[in-house]
Amino acid sequence: MRIVLASETQFCKRAMDLLGLTYETRPSHIDEKAIRDDDPAH
């Protein structure tokens, strides 16, 4: 299984490291704060 994180936050990286999982990061570079729609389908 291949794990790809779309985030480079230290929290996510630390969680994967604590679990001993191999992963790669590919940040999305999307400003999630700019998303104002409450419906995830949109």
Protein backbone atom coordinates (compact mmCIF):
# COMPACT_ATOMS: atom_id res chain seq x y z
CA MET A 1 0.00 0.00 0.00
CA ARG A 2 1.23 3.49 -0.83
CA ILE A 3 0.39 6.40 1.46
CA VAL A 4 0.43 9.90 0.01
CA LEU A 5 -0.20 12.88 2.28
CA ALA A 6 -1.68 15.95 0.59
CA SER A 7 -0.37 18.00 3.49
CA GLU A 8 3.02 18.89 4.85
CA THR A 9 1.81 19.73 8.34
CA GLN A 10 4.05 18.57 11.14
CA PHE A 11 1.04 16.93 12.82
CA CYS A 12 0.39 14.62 9.87
CA LYS A 13 4.05 13.78 9.40
CA ARG A 14 4.51 13.07 13.11
CA ALA A 15 1.45 10.79 13.15
CA MET A 16 2.81 8.72 10.26
CA ASP A 17 6.26 8.59 11.87
CA LEU A 18 4.82 7.44 15.21
CA LEU A 19 2.93 4.68 13.43
CA GLY A 20 6.10 3.67 11.61
CA LEU A 21 4.48 4.03 8.21
CA THR A 22 6.28 4.90 5.01
CA TYR A 23 4.69 7.82 3.18
CA GLU A 24 5.35 10.59 0.75
CA THR A 25 4.03 14.13 0.75
CA ARG A 26 2.49 15.90 -2.20
CA PRO A 27 0.97 19.09 -0.89
CA SER A 28 -2.08 20.31 -2.75
CA HIS A 29 -1.13 24.00 -2.54
CA ILE A 30 -4.83 24.86 -2.20
CA ASP A 31 -5.83 27.60 0.21
CA GLU A 32 -8.48 25.68 2.15
CA LYS A 33 -9.38 28.81 4.11
CA ALA A 34 -10.65 30.33 0.86
CA ILE A 35 -13.28 27.59 0.51
CA ARG A 36 -16.55 29.02 1.82
CA ASP A 37 -19.06 26.37 0.70
CA ASP A 38 -20.30 24.12 3.52
CA ASP A 39 -21.36 21.37 1.10
CA PRO A 40 -18.35 19.06 0.47
CA ALA A 41 -19.92 17.82 -2.77
CA HIS A 42 -19.36 21.25 -4.31
